[in-house]
């Protein structure tokens, strides 16, 4: 019985110390990630990648819609039609953006 109590006490102490150390490390990682995300070079690279991705997705969308044609589901056809209308008017599309 004495060994069980010693083992349980050791487990409890290890858990408390481990969670405290884990929380501190998590806070350090979160701070480092925030600093990296605020770096202007990183922000420019992310914006450039997002812009290039949207351009590529738009080209792929038009290529696929031209080849698939009437065989697409109605919801996709409506979305493609609205994107083509926006593309002709010079407006930017909202693909790849999040609404939070």
PDB file of N, CA and C in Angstrom:
ATOM      1  N   UNK A   1       0.825  -1.194   0.000  1.00  0.00           N
ATOM      2  CA  UNK A   1       0.000   0.000   0.000  1.00  0.00           C
ATOM      3  C   UNK A   1       0.874   1.265   0.000  1.00  0.00           C
ATOM      4  N   UNK A   2       1.974   1.191   0.752  1.00  0.00           N
ATOM      5  CA  UNK A   2       2.855   2.349   0.842  1.00  0.00           C
ATOM      6  C   UNK A   2       3.442   2.691  -0.528  1.00  0.00           C
ATOM      7  N   UNK A   3       3.756   1.684  -1.320  1.00  0.00           N
ATOM      8  CA  UNK A   3       4.333   1.918  -2.637  1.00  0.00           C
ATOM      9  C   UNK A   3       3.311   2.522  -3.596  1.00  0.00           C
ATOM     10  N   UNK A   4       2.081   2.101  -3.438  1.00  0.00           N
ATOM     11  CA  UNK A   4       1.022   2.675  -4.278  1.00  0.00           C
ATOM     12  C   UNK A   4       0.846   4.157  -3.990  1.00  0.00           C
ATOM     13  N   UNK A   5       0.827   4.506  -2.697  1.00  0.00           N
ATOM     14  CA  UNK A   5       0.669   5.919  -2.336  1.00  0.00           C
ATOM     15  C   UNK A   5       1.855   6.742  -2.825  1.00  0.00           C
ATOM     16  N   UNK A   6       3.044   6.209  -2.720  1.00  0.00           N
ATOM     17  CA  UNK A   6       4.243   6.895  -3.206  1.00  0.00           C
ATOM     18  C   UNK A   6       4.167   7.070  -4.722  1.00  0.00           C
ATOM     19  N   UNK A   7       3.730   6.010  -5.412  1.00  0.00           N
ATOM     20  CA  UNK A   7       3.601   6.081  -6.873  1.00  0.00           C
ATOM     21  C   UNK A   7       2.548   7.110  -7.277  1.00  0.00           C
ATOM     22  N   UNK A   8       1.413   7.123  -6.627  1.00  0.00           N
ATOM     23  CA  UNK A   8       0.336   8.073  -6.942  1.00  0.00           C
ATOM     24  C   UNK A   8       0.778   9.494  -6.632  1.00  0.00           C
ATOM     25  N   UNK A   9       1.487   9.692  -5.522  1.00  0.00           N
ATOM     26  CA  UNK A   9       1.988  11.022  -5.190  1.00  0.00           C
ATOM     27  C   UNK A   9       3.006  11.488  -6.240  1.00  0.00           C
ATOM     28  N   UNK A  10       3.853  10.579  -6.685  1.00  0.00           N
ATOM     29  CA  UNK A  10       4.831  10.917  -7.720  1.00  0.00           C
ATOM     30  C   UNK A  10       4.152  11.257  -9.037  1.00  0.00           C
ATOM     31  N   UNK A  11       3.117  10.511  -9.381  1.00  0.00           N
ATOM     32  CA  UNK A  11       2.344  10.806 -10.583  1.00  0.00           C
ATOM     33  C   UNK A  11       1.704  12.189 -10.500  1.00  0.00           C
ATOM     34  N   UNK A  12       1.101  12.487  -9.379  1.00  0.00           N
ATOM     35  CA  UNK A  12       0.439  13.784  -9.210  1.00  0.00           C
ATOM     36  C   UNK A  12       1.452  14.921  -9.294  1.00  0.00           C
ATOM     37  N   UNK A  13       2.584  14.772  -8.628  1.00  0.00           N
ATOM     38  CA  UNK A  13       3.618  15.804  -8.667  1.00  0.00           C
ATOM     39  C   UNK A  13       4.171  15.963 -10.082  1.00  0.00           C
ATOM     40  N   UNK A  14       4.420  14.878 -10.764  1.00  0.00           N
ATOM     41  CA  UNK A  14       4.909  14.940 -12.145  1.00  0.00           C
ATOM     42  C   UNK A  14       3.907  15.598 -13.068  1.00  0.00           C
ATOM     43  N   UNK A  15       2.640  15.291 -12.853  1.00  0.00           N
ATOM     44  CA  UNK A  15       1.595  15.896 -13.687  1.00  0.00           C
ATOM     45  C   UNK A  15       1.553  17.410 -13.485  1.00  0.00           C
ATOM     46  N   UNK A  16       1.571  17.851 -12.239  1.00  0.00           N
ATOM     47  CA  UNK A  16       1.506  19.288 -11.951  1.00  0.00           C
ATOM     48  C   UNK A  16       2.722  20.007 -12.519  1.00  0.00           C
ATOM     49  N   UNK A  17       3.907  19.462 -12.287  1.00  0.00           N
ATOM     50  CA  UNK A  17       5.122  20.112 -12.789  1.00  0.00           C
ATOM     51  C   UNK A  17       5.180  20.055 -14.314  1.00  0.00           C
ATOM     52  N   UNK A  18       4.750  18.962 -14.881  1.00  0.00           N
ATOM     53  CA  UNK A  18       4.769  18.827 -16.341  1.00  0.00           C
ATOM     54  C   UNK A  18       3.805  19.784 -17.018  1.00  0.00           C
ATOM     55  N   UNK A  19       2.624  19.941 -16.461  1.00  0.00           N
ATOM     56  CA  UNK A  19       1.659  20.861 -17.068  1.00  0.00           C
ATOM     57  C   UNK A  19       2.117  22.298 -16.936  1.00  0.00           C
ATOM     58  N   UNK A  20       2.727  22.618 -15.824  1.00  0.00           N
ATOM     59  CA  UNK A  20       3.224  23.986 -15.647  1.00  0.00           C
ATOM     60  C   UNK A  20       4.338  24.285 -16.650  1.00  0.00           C
ATOM     61  N   UNK A  21       5.259  23.348 -16.809  1.00  0.00           N
ATOM     62  CA  UNK A  21       6.352  23.522 -17.768  1.00  0.00           C
ATOM     63  C   UNK A  21       5.812  23.529 -19.199  1.00  0.00           C
ATOM     64  N   UNK A  22       4.826  22.684 -19.471  1.00  0.00           N
ATOM     65  CA  UNK A  22       4.223  22.643 -20.795  1.00  0.00           C
ATOM     66  C   UNK A  22       3.519  23.940 -21.137  1.00  0.00           C
ATOM     67  N   UNK A  23       2.852  24.521 -20.154  1.00  0.00           N
ATOM     68  CA  UNK A  23       2.154  25.782 -20.381  1.00  0.00           C
ATOM     69  C   UNK A  23       3.152  26.903 -20.677  1.00  0.00           C
ATOM     70  N   UNK A  24       4.263  26.937 -19.950  1.00  0.00           N
ATOM     71  CA  UNK A  24       5.281  27.961 -20.190  1.00  0.00           C
ATOM     72  C   UNK A  24       5.869  27.811 -21.593  1.00  0.00           C
ATOM     73  N   UNK A  25       6.130  26.577 -21.991  1.00  0.00           N
ATOM     74  CA  UNK A  25       6.687  26.343 -23.330  1.00  0.00           C
ATOM     75  C   UNK A  25       5.680  26.738 -24.404  1.00  0.00           C
ATOM     76  N   UNK A  26       4.393  26.449 -24.159  1.00  0.00           N
ATOM     77  CA  UNK A  26       3.338  26.839 -25.090  1.00  0.00           C
ATOM     78  C   UNK A  26       3.299  28.354 -25.239  1.00  0.00           C
ATOM     79  N   UNK A  27       3.412  29.070 -24.144  1.00  0.00           N
ATOM     80  CA  UNK A  27       3.409  30.538 -24.198  1.00  0.00           C
ATOM     81  C   UNK A  27       4.623  31.051 -24.971  1.00  0.00           C
ATOM     82  N   UNK A  28       5.787  30.414 -24.804  1.00  0.00           N
ATOM     83  CA  UNK A  28       6.972  30.812 -25.551  1.00  0.00           C
ATOM     84  C   UNK A  28       6.764  30.599 -27.053  1.00  0.00           C
ATOM     85  N   UNK A  29       6.215  29.442 -27.420  1.00  0.00           N
ATOM     86  CA  UNK A  29       5.969  29.154 -28.832  1.00  0.00           C
ATOM     87  C   UNK A  29       4.956  30.122 -29.424  1.00  0.00           C
ATOM     88  N   UNK A  30       3.923  30.454 -28.655  1.00  0.00           N
ATOM     89  CA  UNK A  30       2.903  31.378 -29.127  1.00  0.00           C
ATOM     90  C   UNK A  30       3.493  32.773 -29.348  1.00  0.00           C
ATOM     91  N   UNK A  31       4.357  33.200 -28.462  1.00  0.00           N
ATOM     92  CA  UNK A  31       5.006  34.506 -28.600  1.00  0.00           C
ATOM     93  C   UNK A  31       5.924  34.526 -29.830  1.00  0.00           C
ATOM     94  N   UNK A  32       6.676  33.449 -30.032  1.00  0.00           N
ATOM     95  CA  UNK A  32       7.558  33.368 -31.197  1.00  0.00           C
ATOM     96  C   UNK A  32       6.759  33.369 -32.496  1.00  0.00           C
ATOM     97  N   UNK A  33       5.664  32.638 -32.519  1.00  0.00           N
ATOM     98  CA  UNK A  33       4.829  32.594 -33.726  1.00  0.00           C
ATOM     99  C   UNK A  33       4.235  33.966 -34.022  1.00  0.00           C
ATOM    100  N   UNK A  34       3.828  34.679 -33.001  1.00  0.00           N
ATOM    101  CA  UNK A  34       3.278  36.018 -33.191  1.00  0.00           C
ATOM    102  C   UNK A  34       4.341  36.969 -33.756  1.00  0.00           C
ATOM    103  N   UNK A  35       5.583  36.860 -33.255  1.00  0.00           N
ATOM    104  CA  UNK A  35       6.659  37.703 -33.761  1.00  0.00           C
ATOM    105  C   UNK A  35       6.963  37.398 -35.226  1.00  0.00           C
ATOM    106  N   UNK A  36       6.963  36.131 -35.575  1.00  0.00           N
ATOM    107  CA  UNK A  36       7.223  35.747 -36.967  1.00  0.00           C
ATOM    108  C   UNK A  36       6.100  36.252 -37.864  1.00  0.00           C
ATOM    109  N   UNK A  37       4.856  36.116 -37.403  1.00  0.00           N
ATOM    110  CA  UNK A  37       3.709  36.536 -38.213  1.00  0.00           C
ATOM    111  C   UNK A  37       3.698  38.046 -38.420  1.00  0.00           C
ATOM    112  N   UNK A  38       4.263  38.808 -37.506  1.00  0.00           N
ATOM    113  CA  UNK A  38       4.273  40.261 -37.632  1.00  0.00           C
ATOM    114  C   UNK A  38       5.468  40.771 -38.432  1.00  0.00           C
ATOM    115  N   UNK A  39       6.376  39.887 -38.803  1.00  0.00           N
ATOM    116  CA  UNK A  39       7.539  40.270 -39.588  1.00  0.00           C
ATOM    117  C   UNK A  39       7.057  40.695 -40.982  1.00  0.00           C
ATOM    118  N   UNK A  40       7.452  41.895 -41.449  1.00  0.00           N
ATOM    119  CA  UNK A  40       6.987  42.373 -42.751  1.00  0.00           C
ATOM    120  C   UNK A  40       7.364  41.454 -43.918  1.00  0.00           C
ATOM    121  N   UNK A  41       8.531  40.860 -43.880  1.00  0.00           N
ATOM    122  CA  UNK A  41       8.936  39.972 -44.971  1.00  0.00           C
ATOM    123  C   UNK A  41       8.029  38.741 -45.026  1.00  0.00           C
ATOM    124  N   UNK A  42       7.679  38.211 -43.883  1.00  0.00           N
ATOM    125  CA  UNK A  42       6.799  37.041 -43.828  1.00  0.00           C
ATOM    126  C   UNK A  42       5.401  37.418 -44.311  1.00  0.00           C
ATOM    127  N   UNK A  43       4.925  38.570 -43.889  1.00  0.00           N
ATOM    128  CA  UNK A  43       3.592  39.014 -44.304  1.00  0.00           C
ATOM    129  C   UNK A  43       3.533  39.220 -45.823  1.00  0.00           C
ATOM    130  N   UNK A  44       4.577  39.836 -46.383  1.00  0.00           N
ATOM    131  CA  UNK A  44       4.609  40.041 -47.842  1.00  0.00           C
ATOM    132  C   UNK A  44       4.634  38.711 -48.586  1.00  0.00           C
ATOM    133  N   UNK A  45       5.425  37.768 -48.083  1.00  0.00           N
ATOM    134  CA  UNK A  45       5.493  36.455 -48.732  1.00  0.00           C
ATOM    135  C   UNK A  45       4.145  35.742 -48.660  1.00  0.00           C
ATOM    136  N   UNK A  46       3.467  35.841 -47.520  1.00  0.00           N
ATOM    137  CA  UNK A  46       2.161  35.191 -47.371  1.00  0.00           C
ATOM    138  C   UNK A  46       1.127  35.832 -48.292  1.00  0.00           C
ATOM    139  N   UNK A  47       1.133  37.153 -48.377  1.00  0.00           N
ATOM    140  CA  UNK A  47       0.183  37.845 -49.255  1.00  0.00           C
ATOM    141  C   UNK A  47       0.458  37.513 -50.718  1.00  0.00           C
ATOM    142  N   UNK A  48       1.723  37.451 -51.077  1.00  0.00           N
ATOM    143  CA  UNK A  48       2.094  37.103 -52.451  1.00  0.00           C
ATOM    144  C   UNK A  48       1.653  35.683 -52.789  1.00  0.00           C
ATOM    145  N   UNK A  49       1.875  34.756 -51.869  1.00  0.00           N
ATOM    146  CA  UNK A  49       1.465  33.368 -52.096  1.00  0.00           C
ATOM    147  C   UNK A  49      -0.055  33.269 -52.217  1.00  0.00           C
ATOM    148  N   UNK A  50      -0.780  34.004 -51.387  1.00  0.00           N
ATOM    149  CA  UNK A  50      -2.241  33.974 -51.457  1.00  0.00           C
ATOM    150  C   UNK A  50      -2.728  34.545 -52.782  1.00  0.00           C
ATOM    151  N   UNK A  51      -2.119  35.632 -53.223  1.00  0.00           N
ATOM    152  CA  UNK A  51      -2.514  36.252 -54.493  1.00  0.00           C
ATOM    153  C   UNK A  51      -2.232  35.311 -55.668  1.00  0.00           C
ATOM    154  N   UNK A  52      -1.039  34.719 -55.676  1.00  0.00           N
ATOM    155  CA  UNK A  52      -0.690  33.781 -56.746  1.00  0.00           C
ATOM    156  C   UNK A  52      -1.603  32.561 -56.731  1.00  0.00           C
ATOM    157  N   UNK A  53      -1.951  32.101 -55.548  1.00  0.00           N
ATOM    158  CA  UNK A  53      -2.861  30.964 -55.439  1.00  0.00           C
ATOM    159  C   UNK A  53      -4.238  31.282 -55.980  1.00  0.00           C
ATOM    160  N   UNK A  54      -4.735  32.487 -55.668  1.00  0.00           N
ATOM    161  CA  UNK A  54      -6.043  32.894 -56.188  1.00  0.00           C
ATOM    162  C   UNK A  54      -6.017  33.008 -57.710  1.00  0.00           C
ATOM    163  N   UNK A  55      -4.932  33.566 -58.246  1.00  0.00           N
ATOM    164  CA  UNK A  55      -4.811  33.669 -59.701  1.00  0.00           C
ATOM    165  C   UNK A  55      -4.800  32.282 -60.349  1.00  0.00           C
ATOM    166  N   UNK A  56      -4.010  31.384 -59.803  1.00  0.00           N
ATOM    167  CA  UNK A  56      -3.921  30.036 -60.341  1.00  0.00           C
ATOM    168  C   UNK A  56      -5.266  29.317 -60.232  1.00  0.00           C
ATOM    169  N   UNK A  57      -5.932  29.470 -59.087  1.00  0.00           N
ATOM    170  CA  UNK A  57      -7.236  28.826 -58.900  1.00  0.00           C
ATOM    171  C   UNK A  57      -8.256  29.378 -59.895  1.00  0.00           C
ATOM    172  N   UNK A  58      -8.199  30.677 -60.166  1.00  0.00           N
ATOM    173  CA  UNK A  58      -9.120  31.267 -61.138  1.00  0.00           C
ATOM    174  C   UNK A  58      -8.887  30.733 -62.536  1.00  0.00           C
ATOM    175  N   UNK A  59      -7.620  30.608 -62.920  1.00  0.00           N
ATOM    176  CA  UNK A  59      -7.302  30.056 -64.245  1.00  0.00           C
ATOM    177  C   UNK A  59      -7.736  28.598 -64.347  1.00  0.00           C
ATOM    178  N   UNK A  60      -7.474  27.838 -63.295  1.00  0.00           N
ATOM    179  CA  UNK A  60      -7.866  26.429 -63.293  1.00  0.00           C
ATOM    180  C   UNK A  60      -9.382  26.296 -63.339  1.00  0.00           C
ATOM    181  N   UNK A  61     -10.073  27.156 -62.610  1.00  0.00           N
ATOM    182  CA  UNK A  61     -11.531  27.129 -62.603  1.00  0.00           C
ATOM    183  C   UNK A  61     -12.086  27.368 -63.999  1.00  0.00           C
ATOM    184  N   UNK A  62     -11.562  28.350 -64.687  1.00  0.00           N
ATOM    185  CA  UNK A  62     -12.053  28.646 -66.028  1.00  0.00           C
ATOM    186  C   UNK A  62     -11.711  27.523 -67.011  1.00  0.00           C
ATOM    187  N   UNK A  63     -10.537  26.946 -66.880  1.00  0.00           N
ATOM    188  CA  UNK A  63     -10.156  25.843 -67.759  1.00  0.00           C
ATOM    189  C   UNK A  63     -11.072  24.642 -67.539  1.00  0.00           C
ATOM    190  N   UNK A  64     -11.311  24.310 -66.287  1.00  0.00           N
ATOM    191  CA  UNK A  64     -12.181  23.170 -65.984  1.00  0.00           C
ATOM    192  C   UNK A  64     -13.604  23.455 -66.417  1.00  0.00           C
ATOM    193  N   UNK A  65     -14.101  24.649 -66.148  1.00  0.00           N
ATOM    194  CA  UNK A  65     -15.484  24.946 -66.525  1.00  0.00           C
ATOM    195  C   UNK A  65     -15.664  24.952 -68.040  1.00  0.00           C
ATOM    196  N   UNK A  66     -14.641  25.363 -68.785  1.00  0.00           N
ATOM    197  CA  UNK A  66     -14.727  25.313 -70.244  1.00  0.00           C
ATOM    198  C   UNK A  66     -14.770  23.863 -70.750  1.00  0.00           C
ATOM    199  N   UNK A  67     -14.004  22.989 -70.113  1.00  0.00           N
ATOM    200  CA  UNK A  67     -13.953  21.597 -70.557  1.00  0.00           C
ATOM    201  C   UNK A  67     -15.161  20.792 -70.076  1.00  0.00           C
ATOM    202  N   UNK A  68     -15.629  21.061 -68.858  1.00  0.00           N
ATOM    203  CA  UNK A  68     -16.729  20.282 -68.295  1.00  0.00           C
ATOM    204  C   UNK A  68     -18.065  20.785 -68.816  1.00  0.00           C
ATOM    205  N   UNK A  69     -18.207  22.085 -68.915  1.00  0.00           N
ATOM    206  CA  UNK A  69     -19.405  22.678 -69.502  1.00  0.00           C
ATOM    207  C   UNK A  69     -20.676  22.404 -68.730  1.00  0.00           C
ATOM    208  N   UNK A  70     -21.670  21.817 -69.400  1.00  0.00           N
ATOM    209  CA  UNK A  70     -22.995  21.620 -68.820  1.00  0.00           C
ATOM    210  C   UNK A  70     -23.066  20.460 -67.836  1.00  0.00           C
ATOM    211  N   UNK A  71     -22.038  19.718 -67.695  1.00  0.00           N
ATOM    212  CA  UNK A  71     -22.071  18.549 -66.815  1.00  0.00           C
ATOM    213  C   UNK A  71     -21.829  18.904 -65.352  1.00  0.00           C
ATOM    214  N   UNK A  72     -21.585  20.174 -65.041  1.00  0.00           N
ATOM    215  CA  UNK A  72     -21.350  20.581 -63.663  1.00  0.00           C
ATOM    216  C   UNK A  72     -22.678  20.718 -62.923  1.00  0.00           C
ATOM    217  N   UNK A  73     -22.669  20.496 -61.583  1.00  0.00           N
ATOM    218  CA  UNK A  73     -23.882  20.713 -60.793  1.00  0.00           C
ATOM    219  C   UNK A  73     -24.310  22.174 -60.848  1.00  0.00           C
ATOM    220  N   UNK A  74     -25.576  22.415 -60.603  1.00  0.00           N
ATOM    221  CA  UNK A  74     -26.125  23.771 -60.696  1.00  0.00           C
ATOM    222  C   UNK A  74     -25.461  24.762 -59.764  1.00  0.00           C
ATOM    223  N   UNK A  75     -25.164  24.348 -58.534  1.00  0.00           N
ATOM    224  CA  UNK A  75     -24.551  25.274 -57.583  1.00  0.00           C
ATOM    225  C   UNK A  75     -23.169  25.718 -58.051  1.00  0.00           C
ATOM    226  N   UNK A  76     -22.420  24.798 -58.645  1.00  0.00           N
ATOM    227  CA  UNK A  76     -21.087  25.135 -59.144  1.00  0.00           C
ATOM    228  C   UNK A  76     -21.208  26.036 -60.370  1.00  0.00           C
ATOM    229  N   UNK A  77     -22.175  25.749 -61.220  1.00  0.00           N
ATOM    230  CA  UNK A  77     -22.378  26.555 -62.420  1.00  0.00           C
ATOM    231  C   UNK A  77     -22.704  27.995 -62.049  1.00  0.00           C
ATOM    232  N   UNK A  78     -23.554  28.181 -61.030  1.00  0.00           N
ATOM    233  CA  UNK A  78     -23.891  29.544 -60.590  1.00  0.00           C
ATOM    234  C   UNK A  78     -22.675  30.264 -60.045  1.00  0.00           C
ATOM    235  N   UNK A  79     -21.852  29.545 -59.289  1.00  0.00           N
ATOM    236  CA  UNK A  79     -20.646  30.155 -58.720  1.00  0.00           C
ATOM    237  C   UNK A  79     -19.679  30.558 -59.830  1.00  0.00           C
ATOM    238  N   UNK A  80     -19.518  29.704 -60.814  1.00  0.00           N
ATOM    239  CA  UNK A  80     -18.617  30.003 -61.932  1.00  0.00           C
ATOM    240  C   UNK A  80     -19.141  31.212 -62.701  1.00  0.00           C
ATOM    241  N   UNK A  81     -20.441  31.244 -62.937  1.00  0.00           N
ATOM    242  CA  UNK A  81     -21.032  32.360 -63.673  1.00  0.00           C
ATOM    243  C   UNK A  81     -20.795  33.677 -62.920  1.00  0.00           C
ATOM    244  N   UNK A  82     -20.991  33.662 -61.604  1.00  0.00           N
ATOM    245  CA  UNK A  82     -20.784  34.895 -60.841  1.00  0.00           C
ATOM    246  C   UNK A  82     -19.318  35.305 -60.850  1.00  0.00           C
ATOM    247  N   UNK A  83     -18.413  34.333 -60.837  1.00  0.00           N
ATOM    248  CA  UNK A  83     -16.983  34.666 -60.893  1.00  0.00           C
ATOM    249  C   UNK A  83     -16.596  35.235 -62.249  1.00  0.00           C
ATOM    250  N   UNK A  84     -17.161  34.689 -63.312  1.00  0.00           N
ATOM    251  CA  UNK A  84     -16.864  35.233 -64.641  1.00  0.00           C
ATOM    252  C   UNK A  84     -17.365  36.662 -64.769  1.00  0.00           C
ATOM    253  N   UNK A  85     -18.545  36.931 -64.227  1.00  0.00           N
ATOM    254  CA  UNK A  85     -19.081  38.298 -64.284  1.00  0.00           C
ATOM    255  C   UNK A  85     -18.204  39.256 -63.492  1.00  0.00           C
ATOM    256  N   UNK A  86     -17.734  38.815 -62.350  1.00  0.00           N
ATOM    257  CA  UNK A  86     -16.833  39.658 -61.561  1.00  0.00           C
ATOM    258  C   UNK A  86     -15.519  39.881 -62.278  1.00  0.00           C
ATOM    259  N   UNK A  87     -15.016  38.837 -62.907  1.00  0.00           N
ATOM    260  CA  UNK A  87     -13.746  38.943 -63.633  1.00  0.00           C
ATOM    261  C   UNK A  87     -13.825  39.916 -64.786  1.00  0.00           C
ATOM    262  N   UNK A  88     -14.981  39.993 -65.420  1.00  0.00           N
ATOM    263  CA  UNK A  88     -15.142  40.904 -66.542  1.00  0.00           C
ATOM    264  C   UNK A  88     -15.306  42.346 -66.070  1.00  0.00           C
ATOM    265  N   UNK A  89     -15.857  42.514 -64.878  1.00  0.00           N
ATOM    266  CA  UNK A  89     -16.051  43.876 -64.374  1.00  0.00           C
ATOM    267  C   UNK A  89     -14.826  44.405 -63.643  1.00  0.00           C
ATOM    268  N   UNK A  90     -13.822  43.547 -63.429  1.00  0.00           N
ATOM    269  CA  UNK A  90     -12.586  43.993 -62.798  1.00  0.00           C
ATOM    270  C   UNK A  90     -12.603  43.891 -61.283  1.00  0.00           C
ATOM    271  N   UNK A  91     -13.682  43.371 -60.706  1.00  0.00           N
ATOM    272  CA  UNK A  91     -13.747  43.214 -59.258  1.00  0.00           C
ATOM    273  C   UNK A  91     -12.935  42.002 -58.836  1.00  0.00           C
ATOM    274  N   UNK A  92     -12.448  42.040 -57.601  1.00  0.00           N
ATOM    275  CA  UNK A  92     -11.708  40.905 -57.069  1.00  0.00           C
ATOM    276  C   UNK A  92     -12.687  39.878 -56.537  1.00  0.00           C
ATOM    277  N   UNK A  93     -12.316  38.599 -56.646  1.00  0.00           N
ATOM    278  CA  UNK A  93     -13.189  37.567 -56.113  1.00  0.00           C
ATOM    279  C   UNK A  93     -12.887  37.333 -54.645  1.00  0.00           C
ATOM    280  N   UNK A  94     -13.761  36.581 -53.978  1.00  0.00           N
ATOM    281  CA  UNK A  94     -13.587  36.314 -52.562  1.00  0.00           C
ATOM    282  C   UNK A  94     -13.132  34.883 -52.293  1.00  0.00           C
ATOM    283  N   UNK A  95     -12.633  34.194 -53.311  1.00  0.00           N
ATOM    284  CA  UNK A  95     -12.136  32.855 -53.116  1.00  0.00           C
ATOM    285  C   UNK A  95     -10.823  32.926 -52.352  1.00  0.00           C
ATOM    286  N   UNK A  96     -10.660  32.061 -51.366  1.00  0.00           N
ATOM    287  CA  UNK A  96      -9.429  32.036 -50.573  1.00  0.00           C
ATOM    288  C   UNK A  96      -9.449  32.995 -49.413  1.00  0.00           C
ATOM    289  N   UNK A  97     -10.573  33.679 -49.187  1.00  0.00           N
ATOM    290  CA  UNK A  97     -10.666  34.565 -48.038  1.00  0.00           C
ATOM    291  C   UNK A  97     -11.577  33.934 -47.003  1.00  0.00           C
ATOM    292  N   UNK A  98     -11.382  34.317 -45.771  1.00  0.00           N
ATOM    293  CA  UNK A  98     -12.205  33.780 -44.703  1.00  0.00           C
ATOM    294  C   UNK A  98     -13.136  34.868 -44.173  1.00  0.00           C
ATOM    295  N   UNK A  99     -14.313  34.465 -43.826  1.00  0.00           N
ATOM    296  CA  UNK A  99     -15.280  35.377 -43.233  1.00  0.00           C
ATOM    297  C   UNK A  99     -15.411  35.052 -41.758  1.00  0.00           C
ATOM    298  N   UNK A 100     -14.764  35.859 -40.941  1.00  0.00           N
ATOM    299  CA  UNK A 100     -14.835  35.615 -39.498  1.00  0.00           C
ATOM    300  C   UNK A 100     -15.494  36.763 -38.805  1.00  0.00           C
TER     301      UNK A 100
END
